[in-house]
Each structure stands twice: as C-alpha cells, then as structure tokens.
C-alpha cells in the first residue's frame, strides 16, 4: 500500500491525469487533495 507519494512536476494537471491512469490497473486512486489555501497556492 502506498500511503504518501510526492513527486515534483512542471505540469500538475497532466501529471495527475497520467498517474490516475497509471495507478488505476492496480486498483489505486487519489483519495485526497490538500486545498491550495492550506499550501500557499501549491497543488498537492
């Protein structure tokens, strides 16, 4: 089980779409995104 994963990327939306598709065959999915107002505007 992957509990936390952090990878710096230049295009967050494209990377999120890629990892959503890549992890789907393993039955893994995104469970939570920290709201940007809690991260100073960073997408996490």
Protein backbone atom coordinates (compact mmCIF):
# COMPACT_ATOMS: atom_id res chain seq x y z
CA UNK A 1 0.00 0.00 0.00
CA UNK A 2 1.25 3.49 -0.85
CA UNK A 3 0.36 5.93 1.91
CA UNK A 4 2.11 9.08 0.69
CA UNK A 5 3.81 9.93 -2.56
CA UNK A 6 5.46 13.19 -3.56
CA UNK A 7 6.93 13.94 -6.98
CA UNK A 8 7.81 17.45 -8.20
CA UNK A 9 6.45 18.11 -11.70
CA UNK A 10 6.21 21.04 -14.09
CA UNK A 11 2.61 20.37 -15.23
CA UNK A 12 0.48 19.28 -12.27
CA UNK A 13 -2.74 18.61 -14.20
CA UNK A 14 -1.05 16.49 -16.89
CA UNK A 15 0.92 14.58 -14.26
CA UNK A 16 -2.19 13.94 -12.17
CA UNK A 17 -4.01 12.59 -15.23
CA UNK A 18 -1.05 10.33 -16.04
CA UNK A 19 -0.77 8.90 -12.53
CA UNK A 20 -4.55 8.46 -12.25
CA UNK A 21 -4.42 6.28 -15.38
CA UNK A 22 -1.18 4.51 -14.41
CA UNK A 23 -2.41 3.52 -10.95
CA UNK A 24 -5.96 2.51 -11.97
CA UNK A 25 -5.00 -1.04 -13.10
CA UNK A 26 -3.55 -1.57 -9.61
CA UNK A 27 -6.84 -0.54 -8.04
CA UNK A 28 -5.25 2.62 -6.62
CA UNK A 29 -6.94 6.00 -6.77
CA UNK A 30 -6.49 9.50 -5.43
CA UNK A 31 -8.23 9.83 -2.08
CA UNK A 32 -7.49 13.40 -1.05
CA UNK A 33 -6.01 16.65 -2.31
CA UNK A 34 -4.95 19.32 0.16
CA UNK A 35 -6.80 22.57 -0.64
CA UNK A 36 -4.49 25.22 -2.13
CA UNK A 37 -5.45 27.73 0.59
CA UNK A 38 -3.67 25.41 3.08
CA UNK A 39 -0.48 25.15 0.98
CA UNK A 40 0.13 28.75 -0.01
CA UNK A 41 -1.20 28.09 -3.51
CA UNK A 42 0.79 24.93 -4.21
CA UNK A 43 -1.10 21.99 -5.69
CA UNK A 44 -0.50 18.89 -3.56
